[in-house]
């Protein structure tokens, strides 16, 4: 009971702007089928959503972000894609052009 109350409180504490950005990212990522093809399509269109995503993750607590990911599967999918990309770049598996 206390855990449920704490979880719902952390989502209540999100600002309207955070909630709107989360919904936009969630709706966008949810448009693509759950497959490798869908992941590729999402990857091709993720650039326009990266600034909003960064703003959300920079302005929420870890607990809030976990709650958001549990309740918004598209946002979670986008988050995992960003995590895989960042790990690939950090490990040198994904090369970033010098002009970026």
PDB file of N, CA and C in Angstrom:
ATOM      1  N   UNK A   1       0.828  -1.192   0.000  1.00  0.00           N
ATOM      2  CA  UNK A   1       0.000   0.000   0.000  1.00  0.00           C
ATOM      3  C   UNK A   1       0.870   1.252   0.000  1.00  0.00           C
ATOM      4  N   UNK A   2       1.883   1.302   0.854  1.00  0.00           N
ATOM      5  CA  UNK A   2       2.763   2.466   0.912  1.00  0.00           C
ATOM      6  C   UNK A   2       3.528   2.604  -0.396  1.00  0.00           C
ATOM      7  N   UNK A   3       3.983   1.493  -0.969  1.00  0.00           N
ATOM      8  CA  UNK A   3       4.698   1.528  -2.246  1.00  0.00           C
ATOM      9  C   UNK A   3       3.803   2.088  -3.339  1.00  0.00           C
ATOM     10  N   UNK A   4       2.537   1.647  -3.387  1.00  0.00           N
ATOM     11  CA  UNK A   4       1.608   2.150  -4.390  1.00  0.00           C
ATOM     12  C   UNK A   4       1.400   3.652  -4.228  1.00  0.00           C
ATOM     13  N   UNK A   5       1.268   4.128  -3.008  1.00  0.00           N
ATOM     14  CA  UNK A   5       1.079   5.541  -2.748  1.00  0.00           C
ATOM     15  C   UNK A   5       2.316   6.327  -3.159  1.00  0.00           C
ATOM     16  N   UNK A   6       3.496   5.821  -2.839  1.00  0.00           N
ATOM     17  CA  UNK A   6       4.739   6.492  -3.208  1.00  0.00           C
ATOM     18  C   UNK A   6       4.881   6.555  -4.720  1.00  0.00           C
ATOM     19  N   UNK A   7       4.575   5.455  -5.420  1.00  0.00           N
ATOM     20  CA  UNK A   7       4.665   5.435  -6.872  1.00  0.00           C
ATOM     21  C   UNK A   7       3.733   6.446  -7.514  1.00  0.00           C
ATOM     22  N   UNK A   8       2.503   6.511  -7.056  1.00  0.00           N
ATOM     23  CA  UNK A   8       1.563   7.447  -7.661  1.00  0.00           C
ATOM     24  C   UNK A   8       1.926   8.887  -7.319  1.00  0.00           C
ATOM     25  N   UNK A   9       2.513   9.104  -6.144  1.00  0.00           N
ATOM     26  CA  UNK A   9       2.907  10.465  -5.770  1.00  0.00           C
ATOM     27  C   UNK A   9       4.030  10.978  -6.664  1.00  0.00           C
ATOM     28  N   UNK A  10       4.973  10.123  -7.039  1.00  0.00           N
ATOM     29  CA  UNK A  10       6.081  10.589  -7.861  1.00  0.00           C
ATOM     30  C   UNK A  10       5.594  11.018  -9.242  1.00  0.00           C
ATOM     31  N   UNK A  11       4.567  10.341  -9.782  1.00  0.00           N
ATOM     32  CA  UNK A  11       4.017  10.766 -11.064  1.00  0.00           C
ATOM     33  C   UNK A  11       3.201  12.039 -10.913  1.00  0.00           C
ATOM     34  N   UNK A  12       2.538  12.188  -9.789  1.00  0.00           N
ATOM     35  CA  UNK A  12       1.782  13.414  -9.547  1.00  0.00           C
ATOM     36  C   UNK A  12       2.717  14.609  -9.494  1.00  0.00           C
ATOM     37  N   UNK A  13       3.934  14.405  -9.001  1.00  0.00           N
ATOM     38  CA  UNK A  13       4.884  15.492  -8.856  1.00  0.00           C
ATOM     39  C   UNK A  13       5.544  15.908 -10.157  1.00  0.00           C
ATOM     40  N   UNK A  14       5.238  15.259 -11.248  1.00  0.00           N
ATOM     41  CA  UNK A  14       5.773  15.682 -12.539  1.00  0.00           C
ATOM     42  C   UNK A  14       5.065  16.955 -12.976  1.00  0.00           C
ATOM     43  N   UNK A  15       5.831  17.845 -13.584  1.00  0.00           N
ATOM     44  CA  UNK A  15       5.232  19.079 -14.081  1.00  0.00           C
ATOM     45  C   UNK A  15       4.394  18.777 -15.321  1.00  0.00           C
ATOM     46  N   UNK A  16       3.540  19.699 -15.660  1.00  0.00           N
ATOM     47  CA  UNK A  16       2.727  19.550 -16.864  1.00  0.00           C
ATOM     48  C   UNK A  16       3.628  19.447 -18.098  1.00  0.00           C
ATOM     49  N   UNK A  17       4.700  20.227 -18.123  1.00  0.00           N
ATOM     50  CA  UNK A  17       5.632  20.183 -19.246  1.00  0.00           C
ATOM     51  C   UNK A  17       6.292  18.808 -19.357  1.00  0.00           C
ATOM     52  N   UNK A  18       6.714  18.248 -18.230  1.00  0.00           N
ATOM     53  CA  UNK A  18       7.308  16.907 -18.232  1.00  0.00           C
ATOM     54  C   UNK A  18       6.293  15.889 -18.746  1.00  0.00           C
ATOM     55  N   UNK A  19       5.072  15.960 -18.253  1.00  0.00           N
ATOM     56  CA  UNK A  19       4.027  15.022 -18.663  1.00  0.00           C
ATOM     57  C   UNK A  19       3.759  15.123 -20.162  1.00  0.00           C
ATOM     58  N   UNK A  20       3.756  16.339 -20.696  1.00  0.00           N
ATOM     59  CA  UNK A  20       3.508  16.524 -22.124  1.00  0.00           C
ATOM     60  C   UNK A  20       4.640  15.938 -22.959  1.00  0.00           C
ATOM     61  N   UNK A  21       5.883  16.179 -22.539  1.00  0.00           N
ATOM     62  CA  UNK A  21       7.025  15.634 -23.280  1.00  0.00           C
ATOM     63  C   UNK A  21       7.021  14.113 -23.231  1.00  0.00           C
ATOM     64  N   UNK A  22       6.708  13.556 -22.075  1.00  0.00           N
ATOM     65  CA  UNK A  22       6.636  12.100 -21.925  1.00  0.00           C
ATOM     66  C   UNK A  22       5.578  11.536 -22.865  1.00  0.00           C
ATOM     67  N   UNK A  23       4.422  12.165 -22.913  1.00  0.00           N
ATOM     68  CA  UNK A  23       3.343  11.695 -23.789  1.00  0.00           C
ATOM     69  C   UNK A  23       3.736  11.776 -25.262  1.00  0.00           C
ATOM     70  N   UNK A  24       4.389  12.855 -25.653  1.00  0.00           N
ATOM     71  CA  UNK A  24       4.810  13.013 -27.051  1.00  0.00           C
ATOM     72  C   UNK A  24       5.782  11.908 -27.441  1.00  0.00           C
ATOM     73  N   UNK A  25       6.767  11.649 -26.583  1.00  0.00           N
ATOM     74  CA  UNK A  25       7.750  10.590 -26.860  1.00  0.00           C
ATOM     75  C   UNK A  25       7.073   9.224 -26.843  1.00  0.00           C
ATOM     76  N   UNK A  26       6.228   8.987 -25.859  1.00  0.00           N
ATOM     77  CA  UNK A  26       5.521   7.716 -25.739  1.00  0.00           C
ATOM     78  C   UNK A  26       4.657   7.460 -26.973  1.00  0.00           C
ATOM     79  N   UNK A  27       3.888   8.458 -27.381  1.00  0.00           N
ATOM     80  CA  UNK A  27       3.021   8.304 -28.555  1.00  0.00           C
ATOM     81  C   UNK A  27       3.844   8.026 -29.806  1.00  0.00           C
ATOM     82  N   UNK A  28       4.951   8.743 -29.963  1.00  0.00           N
ATOM     83  CA  UNK A  28       5.785   8.555 -31.156  1.00  0.00           C
ATOM     84  C   UNK A  28       6.367   7.140 -31.198  1.00  0.00           C
ATOM     85  N   UNK A  29       6.980   6.717 -30.109  1.00  0.00           N
ATOM     86  CA  UNK A  29       7.622   5.397 -30.080  1.00  0.00           C
ATOM     87  C   UNK A  29       6.598   4.274 -30.209  1.00  0.00           C
ATOM     88  N   UNK A  30       5.392   4.508 -29.749  1.00  0.00           N
ATOM     89  CA  UNK A  30       4.345   3.479 -29.799  1.00  0.00           C
ATOM     90  C   UNK A  30       3.777   3.280 -31.203  1.00  0.00           C
ATOM     91  N   UNK A  31       4.090   4.184 -32.125  1.00  0.00           N
ATOM     92  CA  UNK A  31       3.593   4.068 -33.496  1.00  0.00           C
ATOM     93  C   UNK A  31       4.253   2.927 -34.263  1.00  0.00           C
ATOM     94  N   UNK A  32       5.407   2.489 -33.804  1.00  0.00           N
ATOM     95  CA  UNK A  32       6.185   1.512 -34.549  1.00  0.00           C
ATOM     96  C   UNK A  32       5.988   0.111 -33.967  1.00  0.00           C
ATOM     97  N   UNK A  33       5.878  -0.860 -34.859  1.00  0.00           N
ATOM     98  CA  UNK A  33       5.660  -2.229 -34.410  1.00  0.00           C
ATOM     99  C   UNK A  33       6.856  -2.710 -33.582  1.00  0.00           C
ATOM    100  N   UNK A  34       6.576  -3.631 -32.674  1.00  0.00           N
ATOM    101  CA  UNK A  34       7.629  -4.181 -31.817  1.00  0.00           C
ATOM    102  C   UNK A  34       8.365  -5.278 -32.580  1.00  0.00           C
ATOM    103  N   UNK A  35       9.343  -4.846 -33.351  1.00  0.00           N
ATOM    104  CA  UNK A  35      10.157  -5.763 -34.144  1.00  0.00           C
ATOM    105  C   UNK A  35      11.452  -5.036 -34.486  1.00  0.00           C
ATOM    106  N   UNK A  36      12.368  -5.745 -35.112  1.00  0.00           N
ATOM    107  CA  UNK A  36      13.608  -5.095 -35.548  1.00  0.00           C
ATOM    108  C   UNK A  36      13.314  -3.999 -36.559  1.00  0.00           C
ATOM    109  N   UNK A  37      12.366  -4.238 -37.441  1.00  0.00           N
ATOM    110  CA  UNK A  37      11.992  -3.226 -38.436  1.00  0.00           C
ATOM    111  C   UNK A  37      11.426  -1.992 -37.735  1.00  0.00           C
ATOM    112  N   UNK A  38      10.555  -2.209 -36.761  1.00  0.00           N
ATOM    113  CA  UNK A  38       9.999  -1.100 -36.003  1.00  0.00           C
ATOM    114  C   UNK A  38      11.071  -0.338 -35.245  1.00  0.00           C
ATOM    115  N   UNK A  39      12.029  -1.068 -34.684  1.00  0.00           N
ATOM    116  CA  UNK A  39      13.139  -0.419 -33.976  1.00  0.00           C
ATOM    117  C   UNK A  39      13.973   0.434 -34.927  1.00  0.00           C
ATOM    118  N   UNK A  40      14.212  -0.077 -36.132  1.00  0.00           N
ATOM    119  CA  UNK A  40      14.960   0.680 -37.138  1.00  0.00           C
ATOM    120  C   UNK A  40      14.205   1.950 -37.526  1.00  0.00           C
ATOM    121  N   UNK A  41      12.889   1.832 -37.695  1.00  0.00           N
ATOM    122  CA  UNK A  41      12.085   3.001 -38.041  1.00  0.00           C
ATOM    123  C   UNK A  41      12.114   4.024 -36.906  1.00  0.00           C
ATOM    124  N   UNK A  42      12.013   3.561 -35.682  1.00  0.00           N
ATOM    125  CA  UNK A  42      12.083   4.455 -34.537  1.00  0.00           C
ATOM    126  C   UNK A  42      13.444   5.140 -34.487  1.00  0.00           C
ATOM    127  N   UNK A  43      14.497   4.392 -34.702  1.00  0.00           N
ATOM    128  CA  UNK A  43      15.845   4.951 -34.695  1.00  0.00           C
ATOM    129  C   UNK A  43      15.993   6.047 -35.751  1.00  0.00           C
ATOM    130  N   UNK A  44      15.416   5.832 -36.917  1.00  0.00           N
ATOM    131  CA  UNK A  44      15.508   6.813 -38.000  1.00  0.00           C
ATOM    132  C   UNK A  44      14.769   8.109 -37.679  1.00  0.00           C
ATOM    133  N   UNK A  45      13.830   8.050 -36.744  1.00  0.00           N
ATOM    134  CA  UNK A  45      13.009   9.237 -36.452  1.00  0.00           C
ATOM    135  C   UNK A  45      13.244   9.793 -35.049  1.00  0.00           C
ATOM    136  N   UNK A  46      14.221   9.263 -34.324  1.00  0.00           N
ATOM    137  CA  UNK A  46      14.380   9.645 -32.915  1.00  0.00           C
ATOM    138  C   UNK A  46      15.020  11.014 -32.707  1.00  0.00           C
ATOM    139  N   UNK A  47      15.747  11.513 -33.681  1.00  0.00           N
ATOM    140  CA  UNK A  47      16.495  12.762 -33.498  1.00  0.00           C
ATOM    141  C   UNK A  47      15.619  13.914 -33.000  1.00  0.00           C
ATOM    142  N   UNK A  48      14.450  14.058 -33.576  1.00  0.00           N
ATOM    143  CA  UNK A  48      13.568  15.171 -33.218  1.00  0.00           C
ATOM    144  C   UNK A  48      13.027  15.083 -31.786  1.00  0.00           C
ATOM    145  N   UNK A  49      13.196  13.956 -31.140  1.00  0.00           N
ATOM    146  CA  UNK A  49      12.668  13.745 -29.794  1.00  0.00           C
ATOM    147  C   UNK A  49      13.765  13.700 -28.722  1.00  0.00           C
ATOM    148  N   UNK A  50      15.008  13.770 -29.144  1.00  0.00           N
ATOM    149  CA  UNK A  50      16.124  13.626 -28.208  1.00  0.00           C
ATOM    150  C   UNK A  50      16.224  14.788 -27.210  1.00  0.00           C
ATOM    151  N   UNK A  51      15.981  16.007 -27.634  1.00  0.00           N
ATOM    152  CA  UNK A  51      16.069  17.152 -26.716  1.00  0.00           C
ATOM    153  C   UNK A  51      15.010  17.042 -25.624  1.00  0.00           C
ATOM    154  N   UNK A  52      13.801  16.674 -26.002  1.00  0.00           N
ATOM    155  CA  UNK A  52      12.730  16.512 -25.011  1.00  0.00           C
ATOM    156  C   UNK A  52      13.059  15.358 -24.071  1.00  0.00           C
ATOM    157  N   UNK A  53      13.590  14.276 -24.618  1.00  0.00           N
ATOM    158  CA  UNK A  53      13.965  13.129 -23.800  1.00  0.00           C
ATOM    159  C   UNK A  53      15.032  13.519 -22.780  1.00  0.00           C
ATOM    160  N   UNK A  54      16.037  14.233 -23.232  1.00  0.00           N
ATOM    161  CA  UNK A  54      17.104  14.659 -22.322  1.00  0.00           C
ATOM    162  C   UNK A  54      16.554  15.563 -21.230  1.00  0.00           C
ATOM    163  N   UNK A  55      15.666  16.451 -21.602  1.00  0.00           N
ATOM    164  CA  UNK A  55      15.061  17.353 -20.608  1.00  0.00           C
ATOM    165  C   UNK A  55      14.289  16.551 -19.560  1.00  0.00           C
ATOM    166  N   UNK A  56      13.561  15.540 -19.989  1.00  0.00           N
ATOM    167  CA  UNK A  56      12.808  14.707 -19.041  1.00  0.00           C
ATOM    168  C   UNK A  56      13.762  13.969 -18.107  1.00  0.00           C
ATOM    169  N   UNK A  57      14.771  13.314 -18.658  1.00  0.00           N
ATOM    170  CA  UNK A  57      15.649  12.522 -17.785  1.00  0.00           C
ATOM    171  C   UNK A  57      16.498  13.405 -16.878  1.00  0.00           C
ATOM    172  N   UNK A  58      16.806  14.621 -17.320  1.00  0.00           N
ATOM    173  CA  UNK A  58      17.578  15.535 -16.476  1.00  0.00           C
ATOM    174  C   UNK A  58      16.741  16.170 -15.372  1.00  0.00           C
ATOM    175  N   UNK A  59      15.427  16.165 -15.537  1.00  0.00           N
ATOM    176  CA  UNK A  59      14.572  16.886 -14.585  1.00  0.00           C
ATOM    177  C   UNK A  59      13.719  15.967 -13.713  1.00  0.00           C
ATOM    178  N   UNK A  60      13.960  14.660 -13.797  1.00  0.00           N
ATOM    179  CA  UNK A  60      13.199  13.719 -12.980  1.00  0.00           C
ATOM    180  C   UNK A  60      14.146  12.910 -12.108  1.00  0.00           C
ATOM    181  N   UNK A  61      13.607  12.427 -11.014  1.00  0.00           N
ATOM    182  CA  UNK A  61      14.393  11.549 -10.150  1.00  0.00           C
ATOM    183  C   UNK A  61      14.421  10.153 -10.773  1.00  0.00           C
ATOM    184  N   UNK A  62      15.336   9.338 -10.300  1.00  0.00           N
ATOM    185  CA  UNK A  62      15.419   7.956 -10.788  1.00  0.00           C
ATOM    186  C   UNK A  62      14.100   7.229 -10.533  1.00  0.00           C
ATOM    187  N   UNK A  63      13.518   7.466  -9.377  1.00  0.00           N
ATOM    188  CA  UNK A  63      12.249   6.822  -9.030  1.00  0.00           C
ATOM    189  C   UNK A  63      11.135   7.276  -9.980  1.00  0.00           C
ATOM    190  N   UNK A  64      11.063   8.573 -10.245  1.00  0.00           N
ATOM    191  CA  UNK A  64      10.046   9.077 -11.173  1.00  0.00           C
ATOM    192  C   UNK A  64      10.239   8.468 -12.555  1.00  0.00           C
ATOM    193  N   UNK A  65      11.492   8.426 -12.997  1.00  0.00           N
ATOM    194  CA  UNK A  65      11.780   7.890 -14.324  1.00  0.00           C
ATOM    195  C   UNK A  65      11.406   6.412 -14.412  1.00  0.00           C
ATOM    196  N   UNK A  66      11.678   5.656 -13.369  1.00  0.00           N
ATOM    197  CA  UNK A  66      11.265   4.245 -13.344  1.00  0.00           C
ATOM    198  C   UNK A  66       9.745   4.131 -13.436  1.00  0.00           C
ATOM    199  N   UNK A  67       9.032   4.977 -12.711  1.00  0.00           N
ATOM    200  CA  UNK A  67       7.567   4.965 -12.760  1.00  0.00           C
ATOM    201  C   UNK A  67       7.059   5.308 -14.154  1.00  0.00           C
ATOM    202  N   UNK A  68       7.662   6.315 -14.764  1.00  0.00           N
ATOM    203  CA  UNK A  68       7.267   6.723 -16.114  1.00  0.00           C
ATOM    204  C   UNK A  68       7.459   5.555 -17.076  1.00  0.00           C
ATOM    205  N   UNK A  69       8.600   4.893 -16.987  1.00  0.00           N
ATOM    206  CA  UNK A  69       8.883   3.769 -17.885  1.00  0.00           C
ATOM    207  C   UNK A  69       7.926   2.603 -17.666  1.00  0.00           C
ATOM    208  N   UNK A  70       7.488   2.396 -16.439  1.00  0.00           N
ATOM    209  CA  UNK A  70       6.532   1.325 -16.164  1.00  0.00           C
ATOM    210  C   UNK A  70       5.158   1.646 -16.746  1.00  0.00           C
ATOM    211  N   UNK A  71       4.795   2.911 -16.747  1.00  0.00           N
ATOM    212  CA  UNK A  71       3.455   3.297 -17.188  1.00  0.00           C
ATOM    213  C   UNK A  71       3.380   3.685 -18.660  1.00  0.00           C
ATOM    214  N   UNK A  72       4.517   3.970 -19.272  1.00  0.00           N
ATOM    215  CA  UNK A  72       4.541   4.433 -20.670  1.00  0.00           C
ATOM    216  C   UNK A  72       5.521   3.552 -21.447  1.00  0.00           C
ATOM    217  N   UNK A  73       5.003   2.500 -22.034  1.00  0.00           N
ATOM    218  CA  UNK A  73       5.851   1.514 -22.708  1.00  0.00           C
ATOM    219  C   UNK A  73       6.607   2.100 -23.899  1.00  0.00           C
ATOM    220  N   UNK A  74       6.009   3.042 -24.595  1.00  0.00           N
ATOM    221  CA  UNK A  74       6.707   3.689 -25.708  1.00  0.00           C
ATOM    222  C   UNK A  74       7.879   4.518 -25.208  1.00  0.00           C
ATOM    223  N   UNK A  75       7.687   5.224 -24.102  1.00  0.00           N
ATOM    224  CA  UNK A  75       8.777   6.003 -23.512  1.00  0.00           C
ATOM    225  C   UNK A  75       9.893   5.059 -23.066  1.00  0.00           C
ATOM    226  N   UNK A  76       9.530   3.931 -22.480  1.00  0.00           N
ATOM    227  CA  UNK A  76      10.522   2.942 -22.063  1.00  0.00           C
ATOM    228  C   UNK A  76      11.300   2.429 -23.278  1.00  0.00           C
ATOM    229  N   UNK A  77      10.599   2.135 -24.341  1.00  0.00           N
ATOM    230  CA  UNK A  77      11.251   1.647 -25.566  1.00  0.00           C
ATOM    231  C   UNK A  77      12.240   2.674 -26.095  1.00  0.00           C
ATOM    232  N   UNK A  78      11.819   3.937 -26.124  1.00  0.00           N
ATOM    233  CA  UNK A  78      12.694   5.016 -26.570  1.00  0.00           C
ATOM    234  C   UNK A  78      13.914   5.103 -25.656  1.00  0.00           C
ATOM    235  N   UNK A  79      13.700   4.991 -24.348  1.00  0.00           N
ATOM    236  CA  UNK A  79      14.791   5.043 -23.370  1.00  0.00           C
ATOM    237  C   UNK A  79      15.806   3.931 -23.608  1.00  0.00           C
ATOM    238  N   UNK A  80      15.322   2.722 -23.837  1.00  0.00           N
ATOM    239  CA  UNK A  80      16.217   1.591 -24.087  1.00  0.00           C
ATOM    240  C   UNK A  80      17.011   1.802 -25.371  1.00  0.00           C
ATOM    241  N   UNK A  81      16.367   2.342 -26.387  1.00  0.00           N
ATOM    242  CA  UNK A  81      17.060   2.617 -27.640  1.00  0.00           C
ATOM    243  C   UNK A  81      18.175   3.639 -27.411  1.00  0.00           C
ATOM    244  N   UNK A  82      17.894   4.686 -26.646  1.00  0.00           N
ATOM    245  CA  UNK A  82      18.907   5.693 -26.348  1.00  0.00           C
ATOM    246  C   UNK A  82      20.049   5.095 -25.528  1.00  0.00           C
ATOM    247  N   UNK A  83      19.705   4.173 -24.631  1.00  0.00           N
ATOM    248  CA  UNK A  83      20.727   3.513 -23.817  1.00  0.00           C
ATOM    249  C   UNK A  83      21.649   2.662 -24.689  1.00  0.00           C
ATOM    250  N   UNK A  84      21.074   1.902 -25.602  1.00  0.00           N
ATOM    251  CA  UNK A  84      21.865   1.061 -26.493  1.00  0.00           C
ATOM    252  C   UNK A  84      22.758   1.927 -27.379  1.00  0.00           C
ATOM    253  N   UNK A  85      22.206   3.016 -27.887  1.00  0.00           N
ATOM    254  CA  UNK A  85      23.000   3.930 -28.716  1.00  0.00           C
ATOM    255  C   UNK A  85      24.168   4.514 -27.936  1.00  0.00           C
ATOM    256  N   UNK A  86      23.899   4.997 -26.743  1.00  0.00           N
ATOM    257  CA  UNK A  86      24.962   5.626 -25.953  1.00  0.00           C
ATOM    258  C   UNK A  86      26.039   4.614 -25.573  1.00  0.00           C
ATOM    259  N   UNK A  87      25.649   3.389 -25.255  1.00  0.00           N
ATOM    260  CA  UNK A  87      26.628   2.351 -24.948  1.00  0.00           C
ATOM    261  C   UNK A  87      27.468   2.013 -26.181  1.00  0.00           C
ATOM    262  N   UNK A  88      26.825   1.948 -27.324  1.00  0.00           N
ATOM    263  CA  UNK A  88      27.546   1.663 -28.567  1.00  0.00           C
ATOM    264  C   UNK A  88      28.547   2.747 -28.914  1.00  0.00           C
ATOM    265  N   UNK A  89      28.167   3.982 -28.703  1.00  0.00           N
ATOM    266  CA  UNK A  89      29.076   5.100 -28.956  1.00  0.00           C
ATOM    267  C   UNK A  89      30.228   5.066 -27.957  1.00  0.00           C
ATOM    268  N   UNK A  90      29.914   4.867 -26.682  1.00  0.00           N
ATOM    269  CA  UNK A  90      30.945   4.825 -25.638  1.00  0.00           C
ATOM    270  C   UNK A  90      31.933   3.687 -25.861  1.00  0.00           C
ATOM    271  N   UNK A  91      31.450   2.554 -26.350  1.00  0.00           N
ATOM    272  CA  UNK A  91      32.309   1.390 -26.576  1.00  0.00           C
ATOM    273  C   UNK A  91      33.044   1.436 -27.916  1.00  0.00           C
ATOM    274  N   UNK A  92      32.721   2.420 -28.745  1.00  0.00           N
ATOM    275  CA  UNK A  92      33.362   2.532 -30.048  1.00  0.00           C
ATOM    276  C   UNK A  92      32.748   1.642 -31.110  1.00  0.00           C
ATOM    277  N   UNK A  93      31.662   0.955 -30.781  1.00  0.00           N
ATOM    278  CA  UNK A  93      30.981   0.093 -31.743  1.00  0.00           C
ATOM    279  C   UNK A  93      30.255   0.944 -32.786  1.00  0.00           C
ATOM    280  N   UNK A  94      29.707   2.072 -32.338  1.00  0.00           N
ATOM    281  CA  UNK A  94      29.017   3.015 -33.228  1.00  0.00           C
ATOM    282  C   UNK A  94      29.933   4.229 -33.397  1.00  0.00           C
ATOM    283  N   UNK A  95      30.288   4.520 -34.633  1.00  0.00           N
ATOM    284  CA  UNK A  95      31.143   5.675 -34.903  1.00  0.00           C
ATOM    285  C   UNK A  95      30.277   6.907 -35.121  1.00  0.00           C
ATOM    286  N   UNK A  96      30.698   8.003 -34.523  1.00  0.00           N
ATOM    287  CA  UNK A  96      30.017   9.282 -34.694  1.00  0.00           C
ATOM    288  C   UNK A  96      30.864  10.133 -35.634  1.00  0.00           C
ATOM    289  N   UNK A  97      30.259  10.673 -36.670  1.00  0.00           N
ATOM    290  CA  UNK A  97      31.021  11.518 -37.589  1.00  0.00           C
ATOM    291  C   UNK A  97      31.712  12.663 -36.856  1.00  0.00           C
ATOM    292  N   UNK A  98      32.880  13.037 -37.319  1.00  0.00           N
ATOM    293  CA  UNK A  98      33.682  14.085 -36.666  1.00  0.00           C
ATOM    294  C   UNK A  98      32.973  15.430 -36.602  1.00  0.00           C
ATOM    295  N   UNK A  99      32.075  15.716 -37.522  1.00  0.00           N
ATOM    296  CA  UNK A  99      31.405  17.021 -37.552  1.00  0.00           C
ATOM    297  C   UNK A  99      30.258  17.122 -36.553  1.00  0.00           C
ATOM    298  N   UNK A 100      30.077  16.129 -35.677  1.00  0.00           N
ATOM    299  CA  UNK A 100      29.018  16.176 -34.674  1.00  0.00           C
ATOM    300  C   UNK A 100      29.565  16.311 -33.323  1.00  0.00           C
TER     301      UNK A 100
END
